[in-house]
Amino acid sequence: MSTKAGTVIIGAGQAGLSCAAELRRRKYEGPVTLIGAEPALPYQRPPLSKAYLAGELPVERLWLKPEAFYPASDITCLTNARVTAIDREARQVVLADGARLAFENCVIATGGEARIPPIPGANLPGVDVLRTFAEADHLSAALEGAKSLAVIGAGYIGLEVAASARKRGLEVVVLEAAERPMARTASPILGGWFGAVHRGYGVDLRVSTPVAAILDKGGKAAGVRLADGEEIPTDTILLAAGLALNTGLAEAAGLECADGIIVDMACRTSDGDIYACGDVARFSSALYGRSVRLESVQNAIEQGKAVAAAILGEDVAYDPVPWFWSDQYELKLQIAGLIDGADMAVRRGDPEMGNFAVFHLKDSRIIACEAVNAAPEYMAAQKLIRSGKTVDPDALRNLDVAMRELLA
């Protein structure tokens, strides 16, 4: 390992790897060190709750790059390595084994961990979470010998796992405290529609249903107790309660944080030599006129590239059109933009046919689009959001008006 100060990237997920690879693509000459806390080389997270859990994707397909890529690209990739501190004064990253790595630039791409809600019994054996490769394997093994699954939380992960478990033949109950599925990320129209889809596939999906406790039988989880006292026995339980951000290193180093690590348009933290990217970074979006933090693969990849460009001295103004996706059963949900702030929703297509889009407008301009098996609408929406062009709602809902006409 080189002792020369270069770029040290903390976090070997999609954002960290994207930054490392982009530095080398742009002919960065200094040492590049990528530090990952997990034993595995960088891998894709999205398939963990979908194709991989359903047994439809072999493990080899998870790796983001083959093992030979790292030495060939002169990237030192440390796996199973935990960073305990960022020494800003010495310009060093401190590892758990006491080693210190000097840096000229440090990149924090630490993402987050599965959040454990404050439910009694949440730490019992038989209760799973899903964020990492190892957690996916553990959950898959638990489902292999199970007949029933209870999912606490009806966000993307919870619903994707529910769909995967139904494919495996398990009885599934999904328990959501909010009044609809995907309440934090999707519109009432879409959340309600996906709830109906899951019920159609045999999922017992309950909303406005808080869980009071996880039942303990002989030191192992045996079911859940709802707030109204009802008890639901089940073989295994998944907590799908969102992300707990890994901002501890940044906070301990005195960097500005507020629901994420605060960065400027060039992805710099409050220390000009330290950058942040991916799920953990919060930046000001000129497009939406507010501070945002995005949990998506697209953001991780593009923001990692933006950091690399900034390190190399380029002018960077990171301000993407956000996009997200989810695969559930035979449905592909693609979301462009952010819904908050819309004053009108326009539906295009027929939900009964299984392919439609919901456009969210503000002052006659599209700010977001939720598309179900509707790629043309999704692709056009990305361009319309960026352009800020006004659209006629009647033309938008009229299937006889092609999306390309609205772009013209």
Protein backbone atom coordinates (compact mmCIF):
# COMPACT_ATOMS: atom_id res chain seq x y z
CA MET A 1 0.00 0.00 0.00
CA SER A 2 1.34 3.40 -0.94
CA THR A 3 2.24 5.77 1.91
CA LYS A 4 1.84 8.78 -0.38
CA ALA A 5 -1.22 10.90 0.36
CA GLY A 6 -3.89 10.50 -2.29
CA THR A 7 -7.64 9.94 -2.17
CA VAL A 8 -9.09 7.72 0.55
CA ILE A 9 -12.72 6.69 0.05
CA ILE A 10 -14.61 5.45 3.11
CA GLY A 11 -17.39 3.15 1.94
CA ALA A 12 -17.16 0.57 -0.82
CA GLY A 13 -20.71 0.70 -2.07
CA GLN A 14 -21.99 2.06 -5.36
CA ALA A 15 -21.01 5.67 -4.59
CA GLY A 16 -17.52 4.90 -3.34
CA LEU A 17 -16.69 2.60 -6.23
CA SER A 18 -18.13 5.07 -8.74
CA CYS A 19 -15.83 7.76 -7.38
CA ALA A 20 -12.76 5.49 -7.43
CA ALA A 21 -13.40 4.25 -10.97
CA GLU A 22 -14.08 7.77 -12.26
CA LEU A 23 -10.86 9.08 -10.74
CA ARG A 24 -8.92 6.49 -12.70
CA ARG A 25 -10.95 7.07 -15.87
CA ARG A 26 -10.04 10.75 -15.65
CA LYS A 27 -6.33 9.88 -15.23
CA TYR A 28 -6.01 10.87 -11.58
CA GLU A 29 -2.38 10.15 -10.71
CA GLY A 30 -2.42 9.79 -6.93
CA PRO A 31 -3.10 6.66 -4.88
CA VAL A 32 -6.75 5.63 -4.59
CA THR A 33 -7.82 3.56 -1.59
CA LEU A 34 -11.36 2.20 -1.26
CA ILE A 35 -12.29 0.99 2.24
CA GLY A 36 -15.26 -1.32 2.80
CA ALA A 37 -16.53 -2.60 6.13
CA GLU A 38 -18.01 -5.76 4.60
CA PRO A 39 -16.00 -8.86 3.63
CA ALA A 40 -17.30 -8.83 0.05
CA LEU A 41 -16.02 -6.71 -2.82
CA PRO A 42 -18.39 -3.91 -3.95
CA TYR A 43 -21.75 -5.30 -5.05
CA GLN A 44 -25.23 -4.24 -6.17
CA ARG A 45 -27.75 -3.74 -3.38
CA PRO A 46 -31.06 -3.43 -5.35
CA PRO A 47 -31.24 -7.12 -6.41
CA LEU A 48 -30.90 -8.27 -2.79
CA SER A 49 -34.59 -7.75 -2.09
CA LYS A 50 -35.74 -8.76 -5.56
CA ALA A 51 -34.13 -11.19 -8.01
CA TYR A 52 -31.38 -12.42 -5.68
CA LEU A 53 -33.78 -13.13 -2.80
CA ALA A 54 -36.20 -14.82 -5.20
CA GLY A 55 -33.37 -17.11 -6.37
CA GLU A 56 -33.45 -15.70 -9.90
CA LEU A 57 -29.99 -14.07 -9.87
CA PRO A 58 -26.73 -15.96 -9.23
CA VAL A 59 -24.33 -14.44 -6.73
CA GLU A 60 -21.69 -13.77 -9.42
CA ARG A 61 -24.06 -11.25 -11.00
CA LEU A 62 -24.03 -9.09 -7.86
CA TRP A 63 -20.41 -7.93 -8.15
CA LEU A 64 -20.07 -4.42 -9.55
CA LYS A 65 -16.59 -5.16 -10.92
CA PRO A 66 -14.59 -8.37 -11.28
CA GLU A 67 -11.85 -8.89 -8.70
CA ALA A 68 -9.16 -8.24 -11.33
CA PHE A 69 -10.51 -4.73 -11.96
CA TYR A 70 -9.03 -3.29 -8.77
CA PRO A 71 -5.33 -4.15 -9.27
CA ALA A 72 -5.66 -3.47 -13.00
CA SER A 73 -6.98 0.01 -12.20
CA ASP A 74 -4.44 0.61 -9.42
CA ILE A 75 -7.20 0.88 -6.83
CA THR A 76 -6.40 -0.52 -3.38
CA CYS A 77 -9.63 -2.11 -2.17
CA LEU A 78 -9.63 -2.95 1.54
CA THR A 79 -12.49 -5.23 2.57
CA ASN A 80 -13.58 -6.13 6.10
CA ALA A 81 -11.90 -2.93 7.23
CA ARG A 82 -13.55 -0.50 9.63
CA VAL A 83 -12.69 3.18 9.86
CA THR A 84 -12.86 4.50 13.42
CA ALA A 85 -11.95 8.15 12.90
CA ILE A 86 -11.06 10.89 10.45
CA ASP A 87 -8.14 12.88 11.86
CA ARG A 88 -8.63 16.21 10.10
CA GLU A 89 -5.60 17.86 11.67
CA ALA A 90 -3.19 15.09 10.62
CA ARG A 91 -5.09 14.49 7.35
CA GLN A 92 -5.34 10.77 8.12
CA VAL A 93 -8.02 8.10 8.24
CA VAL A 94 -7.73 5.80 11.26
CA LEU A 95 -8.60 2.10 10.93
CA ALA A 96 -9.79 -0.24 13.68
CA ASP A 97 -6.46 -2.08 13.66
CA GLY A 98 -4.63 1.18 14.39
CA ALA A 99 -3.35 1.73 10.86
CA ARG A 100 -3.42 5.29 9.56
CA LEU A 101 -3.85 6.25 5.91
CA ALA A 102 -2.75 9.72 4.84
CA PHE A 103 -5.05 11.59 2.49
CA GLU A 104 -4.96 14.62 0.30
CA ASN A 105 -8.68 14.19 -0.29
CA CYS A 106 -11.10 12.06 1.73
CA VAL A 107 -14.48 10.90 0.44
CA ILE A 108 -17.20 9.76 2.83
CA ALA A 109 -19.57 7.31 1.13
CA THR A 110 -20.71 5.44 4.22
CA GLY A 111 -24.40 5.15 3.32
CA GLY A 112 -26.43 3.64 6.12
CA GLU A 113 -27.65 0.53 7.87
CA ALA A 114 -31.09 -0.97 8.22
CA ARG A 115 -32.93 0.98 10.90
CA ILE A 116 -34.08 -1.01 13.92
CA PRO A 117 -37.38 0.47 15.14
CA PRO A 118 -37.94 0.75 18.92
CA ILE A 119 -40.18 -2.31 19.10
CA PRO A 120 -39.77 -4.69 22.08
CA GLY A 121 -38.27 -7.93 20.82
CA ALA A 122 -36.75 -6.38 17.68
CA ASN A 123 -33.36 -7.95 18.46
CA LEU A 124 -34.66 -11.50 18.96
CA PRO A 125 -33.34 -14.35 16.79
CA GLY A 126 -35.78 -14.88 13.94
CA VAL A 127 -36.02 -11.15 13.21
CA ASP A 128 -34.17 -10.12 10.05
CA VAL A 129 -33.24 -6.87 8.36
CA LEU A 130 -32.11 -6.43 4.77
CA ARG A 131 -29.38 -4.04 3.71
CA THR A 132 -26.23 -6.10 3.16
CA PHE A 133 -25.23 -9.15 1.14
CA ALA A 134 -24.82 -11.17 4.36
CA GLU A 135 -28.26 -10.09 5.60
CA ALA A 136 -29.81 -11.15 2.29
CA ASP A 137 -28.25 -14.60 2.61
CA HIS A 138 -29.43 -14.88 6.21
CA LEU A 139 -32.98 -13.91 5.25
CA SER A 140 -32.97 -16.29 2.28
CA ALA A 141 -31.95 -19.17 4.55
CA ALA A 142 -34.70 -18.24 7.03
CA LEU A 143 -37.31 -18.19 4.25
CA GLU A 144 -36.11 -21.55 2.95
CA GLY A 145 -37.47 -23.34 6.00
CA ALA A 146 -40.41 -21.05 6.68
CA LYS A 147 -44.07 -21.16 5.73
CA SER A 148 -44.96 -17.62 6.78
CA LEU A 149 -43.36 -14.18 6.91
CA ALA A 150 -44.36 -10.96 8.64
CA VAL A 151 -42.94 -7.76 7.15
CA ILE A 152 -42.96 -4.66 9.34
CA GLY A 153 -42.94 -1.70 6.96
CA ALA A 154 -44.47 -1.23 3.49
CA GLY A 155 -41.77 0.78 1.79
CA TYR A 156 -39.84 -0.41 -1.26
CA ILE A 157 -37.80 -3.05 0.60
CA GLY A 158 -40.77 -4.40 2.53
CA LEU A 159 -42.97 -4.73 -0.56
CA GLU A 160 -40.17 -6.16 -2.72
CA VAL A 161 -39.42 -8.82 -0.12
CA ALA A 162 -43.14 -9.55 0.20
CA ALA A 163 -43.32 -10.14 -3.56
CA SER A 164 -40.20 -12.34 -3.48
CA ALA A 165 -41.59 -14.36 -0.58
CA ARG A 166 -44.91 -14.90 -2.35
CA LYS A 167 -42.98 -16.20 -5.36
CA ARG A 168 -41.42 -18.72 -2.98
CA GLY A 169 -44.88 -19.78 -1.78
CA LEU A 170 -44.86 -18.24 1.71
CA GLU A 171 -47.89 -16.78 3.45
CA VAL A 172 -47.09 -13.07 3.89
CA VAL A 173 -48.50 -10.36 6.12
CA VAL A 174 -47.26 -6.77 5.71
CA LEU A 175 -47.86 -4.36 8.58
CA GLU A 176 -47.60 -0.62 7.96
CA ALA A 177 -48.18 2.07 10.59
CA ALA A 178 -48.89 4.76 7.98
CA GLU A 179 -52.21 5.04 6.17
CA ARG A 180 -50.90 3.64 2.88
CA PRO A 181 -47.96 1.69 1.41
CA MET A 182 -44.87 3.65 0.30
CA ALA A 183 -46.23 6.71 2.13
CA ARG A 184 -42.81 8.40 2.29
CA THR A 185 -41.86 7.94 -1.35
CA ALA A 186 -45.01 7.61 -3.48
CA SER A 187 -48.30 9.42 -4.04
CA PRO A 188 -51.59 8.24 -2.52
CA ILE A 189 -52.74 7.13 -5.99
CA LEU A 190 -49.71 4.91 -6.50
CA GLY A 191 -49.41 3.66 -2.95
CA GLY A 192 -53.06 2.62 -2.87
CA TRP A 193 -52.77 0.90 -6.25
CA PHE A 194 -49.71 -1.13 -5.23
CA GLY A 195 -51.48 -2.10 -2.02
CA ALA A 196 -54.33 -3.54 -4.09
CA VAL A 197 -51.83 -5.39 -6.31
CA HIS A 198 -50.20 -7.08 -3.31
CA ARG A 199 -53.56 -8.07 -1.88
CA GLY A 200 -54.41 -9.52 -5.27
CA TYR A 201 -51.33 -11.73 -5.00
CA GLY A 202 -52.49 -12.99 -1.61
CA VAL A 203 -50.53 -10.70 0.71
CA ASP A 204 -52.34 -9.75 3.91
CA LEU A 205 -51.41 -6.06 3.70
CA ARG A 206 -52.60 -3.93 6.62
CA VAL A 207 -52.16 -0.16 6.85
CA SER A 208 -52.64 2.12 9.88
CA THR A 209 -51.46 -0.92 11.84
CA PRO A 210 -48.65 -0.22 14.31
CA VAL A 211 -46.75 -3.17 15.80
CA ALA A 212 -46.51 -3.04 19.61
CA ALA A 213 -44.11 -5.94 20.17
CA ILE A 214 -42.48 -9.00 18.70
CA LEU A 215 -43.55 -12.19 20.48
CA ASP A 216 -40.87 -14.17 22.30
CA LYS A 217 -41.19 -17.94 22.45
CA GLY A 218 -38.23 -19.70 24.03
CA GLY A 219 -35.86 -16.87 23.19
CA LYS A 220 -36.89 -16.72 19.53
CA ALA A 221 -39.32 -14.51 17.62
CA ALA A 222 -42.63 -16.29 17.11
CA GLY A 223 -44.92 -13.56 15.83
CA VAL A 224 -46.06 -9.99 16.38
CA ARG A 225 -48.47 -8.23 18.71
CA LEU A 226 -50.33 -5.32 17.16
CA ALA A 227 -51.20 -2.10 18.96
CA ASP A 228 -54.83 -3.25 19.24
CA GLY A 229 -53.73 -6.44 21.02
CA GLU A 230 -54.12 -8.89 18.12
CA GLU A 231 -51.33 -11.47 17.92
CA ILE A 232 -50.16 -12.84 14.58
CA PRO A 233 -47.96 -15.98 14.72
CA THR A 234 -45.32 -16.26 11.99
CA ASP A 235 -42.18 -18.26 11.25
CA THR A 236 -39.90 -15.33 10.48
CA ILE A 237 -40.04 -11.53 10.60
CA LEU A 238 -38.46 -8.80 8.50
CA LEU A 239 -37.97 -5.28 9.81
CA ALA A 240 -38.21 -2.93 6.81
CA ALA A 241 -38.18 0.40 8.62
CA GLY A 242 -35.88 2.44 6.42
CA LEU A 243 -32.28 3.58 6.67
CA ALA A 244 -30.20 4.68 9.67
CA LEU A 245 -27.52 6.95 8.22
CA ASN A 246 -23.85 6.33 8.97
CA THR A 247 -22.93 9.92 9.81
CA GLY A 248 -21.02 9.07 13.00
CA LEU A 249 -17.54 9.50 11.50
CA ALA A 250 -18.47 12.87 10.00
CA GLU A 251 -20.07 14.10 13.22
CA ALA A 252 -17.11 13.01 15.34
CA ALA A 253 -14.79 14.83 12.91
CA GLY A 254 -16.79 18.03 13.39
CA LEU A 255 -18.28 18.16 9.90
CA GLU A 256 -21.66 19.83 9.45
CA CYS A 257 -24.49 17.27 9.49
CA ALA A 258 -28.30 17.47 9.51
CA ASP A 259 -30.09 14.30 8.36
CA GLY A 260 -27.01 13.58 6.29
CA ILE A 261 -23.63 15.16 5.73
CA ILE A 262 -24.08 18.69 4.38
CA VAL A 263 -22.24 19.25 1.08
CA ASP A 264 -22.09 22.10 -1.42
CA MET A 265 -22.78 21.88 -5.15
CA ALA A 266 -19.32 20.37 -5.66
CA CYS A 267 -20.05 17.72 -2.99
CA ARG A 268 -17.56 19.25 -0.53
CA THR A 269 -18.30 19.06 3.18
CA SER A 270 -17.57 21.90 5.60
CA ASP A 271 -13.92 20.80 5.26
CA GLY A 272 -12.77 21.63 1.72
CA ASP A 273 -10.61 18.49 1.41
CA ILE A 274 -13.37 16.12 2.50
CA TYR A 275 -16.27 15.18 0.22
CA ALA A 276 -19.41 13.10 0.69
CA CYS A 277 -21.60 11.25 -1.81
CA GLY A 278 -24.41 8.74 -2.02
CA ASP A 279 -27.20 8.08 0.48
CA VAL A 280 -25.39 9.93 3.26
CA ALA A 281 -24.91 13.29 1.47
CA ARG A 282 -27.37 16.21 1.67
CA PHE A 283 -27.09 18.94 -0.94
CA SER A 284 -29.01 22.00 -2.13
CA SER A 285 -31.01 21.36 -5.30
CA ALA A 286 -31.50 24.43 -7.48
CA LEU A 287 -33.98 22.38 -9.52
CA TYR A 288 -36.26 21.91 -6.51
CA GLY A 289 -35.25 24.95 -4.47
CA ARG A 290 -34.50 23.04 -1.30
CA SER A 291 -32.05 20.75 0.47
CA VAL A 292 -32.37 17.11 -0.56
CA ARG A 293 -30.82 13.74 0.27
CA LEU A 294 -31.38 10.94 -2.22
CA GLU A 295 -31.36 7.21 -1.52
CA SER A 296 -30.93 5.75 -4.99
CA VAL A 297 -28.39 3.95 -7.13
CA GLN A 298 -28.57 6.69 -9.77
CA ASN A 299 -27.62 9.34 -7.24
CA ALA A 300 -24.81 7.20 -5.81
CA ILE A 301 -23.25 6.66 -9.23
CA GLU A 302 -23.59 10.22 -10.50
CA GLN A 303 -22.60 11.91 -7.26
CA GLY A 304 -19.56 9.65 -6.97
CA LYS A 305 -18.53 10.79 -10.45
CA ALA A 306 -19.15 14.42 -9.48
CA VAL A 307 -16.82 14.07 -6.51
CA ALA A 308 -14.10 12.66 -8.76
CA ALA A 309 -14.48 15.62 -11.13
CA ALA A 310 -14.30 18.08 -8.22
CA ILE A 311 -11.16 16.44 -6.83
CA LEU A 312 -9.56 16.92 -10.23
CA GLY A 313 -10.34 20.63 -10.11
CA GLU A 314 -13.30 20.79 -12.47
CA ASP A 315 -16.23 23.15 -11.84
CA VAL A 316 -19.04 20.97 -10.52
CA ALA A 317 -22.65 21.95 -9.87
CA TYR A 318 -24.36 18.70 -8.91
CA ASP A 319 -28.12 19.06 -9.42
CA PRO A 320 -29.67 15.91 -10.94
CA VAL A 321 -33.23 14.99 -11.84
CA PRO A 322 -33.68 12.25 -9.22
CA TRP A 323 -34.94 8.85 -10.27
CA PHE A 324 -35.83 5.66 -8.47
CA TRP A 325 -37.23 2.27 -9.35
CA SER A 326 -38.77 -0.82 -7.82
CA ASP A 327 -39.60 -4.26 -9.24
CA GLN A 328 -42.61 -6.01 -7.66
CA TYR A 329 -44.04 -9.14 -9.30
CA GLU A 330 -44.17 -8.36 -13.04
CA LEU A 331 -44.40 -4.62 -12.45
CA LYS A 332 -41.61 -2.10 -12.94
CA LEU A 333 -42.14 1.15 -11.10
CA GLN A 334 -39.97 4.07 -12.26
CA ILE A 335 -40.13 7.44 -10.56
CA ALA A 336 -38.55 10.60 -11.92
CA GLY A 337 -38.35 13.73 -9.79
CA LEU A 338 -39.69 14.59 -6.33
CA ILE A 339 -43.43 14.75 -5.63
CA ASP A 340 -43.45 17.21 -2.72
CA GLY A 341 -44.80 20.62 -3.70
CA ALA A 342 -47.05 19.51 -6.57
CA ASP A 343 -50.42 21.25 -6.96
CA MET A 344 -51.92 18.84 -9.52
CA ALA A 345 -51.78 15.13 -10.36
CA VAL A 346 -52.59 13.95 -13.89
CA ARG A 347 -53.05 10.27 -14.71
CA ARG A 348 -52.15 8.92 -18.14
CA GLY A 349 -53.25 5.41 -19.02
CA ASP A 350 -55.41 2.87 -17.25
CA PRO A 351 -54.25 1.22 -14.01
CA GLU A 352 -56.56 -1.71 -14.77
CA MET A 353 -54.35 -2.47 -17.78
CA GLY A 354 -51.23 -2.55 -15.62
CA ASN A 355 -49.38 0.25 -17.42
CA PHE A 356 -49.96 3.89 -16.58
CA ALA A 357 -48.26 7.02 -15.29
CA VAL A 358 -49.10 9.70 -12.75
CA PHE A 359 -47.60 13.10 -13.49
CA HIS A 360 -47.22 15.64 -10.68
CA LEU A 361 -47.32 19.29 -11.75
CA LYS A 362 -46.58 22.59 -10.10
CA ASP A 363 -47.63 25.75 -11.96
CA SER A 364 -48.25 23.59 -15.07
CA ARG A 365 -44.68 22.24 -15.01
CA ILE A 366 -43.94 18.57 -14.38
CA ILE A 367 -41.90 18.08 -11.19
CA ALA A 368 -42.33 14.30 -10.89
CA CYS A 369 -43.67 11.24 -12.66
CA GLU A 370 -44.58 7.80 -11.33
CA ALA A 371 -44.62 5.29 -14.19
CA VAL A 372 -45.74 1.66 -13.97
CA ASN A 373 -44.62 -0.39 -16.96
CA ALA A 374 -44.62 2.92 -18.87
CA ALA A 375 -41.06 3.62 -19.99
CA PRO A 376 -41.90 6.27 -22.64
CA GLU A 377 -43.71 8.41 -20.07
CA TYR A 378 -40.87 8.00 -17.59
CA MET A 379 -38.16 8.91 -20.11
CA ALA A 380 -40.07 11.93 -21.39
CA ALA A 381 -40.77 13.10 -17.84
CA GLN A 382 -37.06 13.23 -17.02
CA LYS A 383 -36.51 15.66 -19.90
CA LEU A 384 -39.61 17.72 -19.14
CA ILE A 385 -38.62 18.08 -15.48
CA ARG A 386 -35.18 19.32 -16.45
CA SER A 387 -36.49 21.72 -19.09
CA GLY A 388 -39.13 23.27 -16.85
CA LYS A 389 -41.46 23.49 -19.85
CA THR A 390 -45.17 24.05 -19.18
CA VAL A 391 -47.53 21.34 -20.38
CA ASP A 392 -51.25 21.14 -21.06
CA PRO A 393 -52.77 18.69 -18.54
CA ASP A 394 -55.43 17.61 -21.05
CA ALA A 395 -52.77 16.76 -23.64
CA LEU A 396 -50.77 14.93 -20.97
CA ARG A 397 -53.65 12.61 -20.09
CA ASN A 398 -54.64 12.06 -23.75
CA LEU A 399 -53.10 8.83 -25.03
CA ASP A 400 -53.61 10.03 -28.60
CA VAL A 401 -50.98 12.70 -27.94
CA ALA A 402 -47.56 11.01 -28.05
CA MET A 403 -45.05 11.94 -25.36
CA ARG A 404 -42.61 13.08 -28.03
CA GLU A 405 -45.16 15.71 -29.08
CA LEU A 406 -45.15 17.11 -25.57
CA LEU A 407 -41.36 17.32 -25.73
CA ALA A 408 -41.37 19.21 -29.03
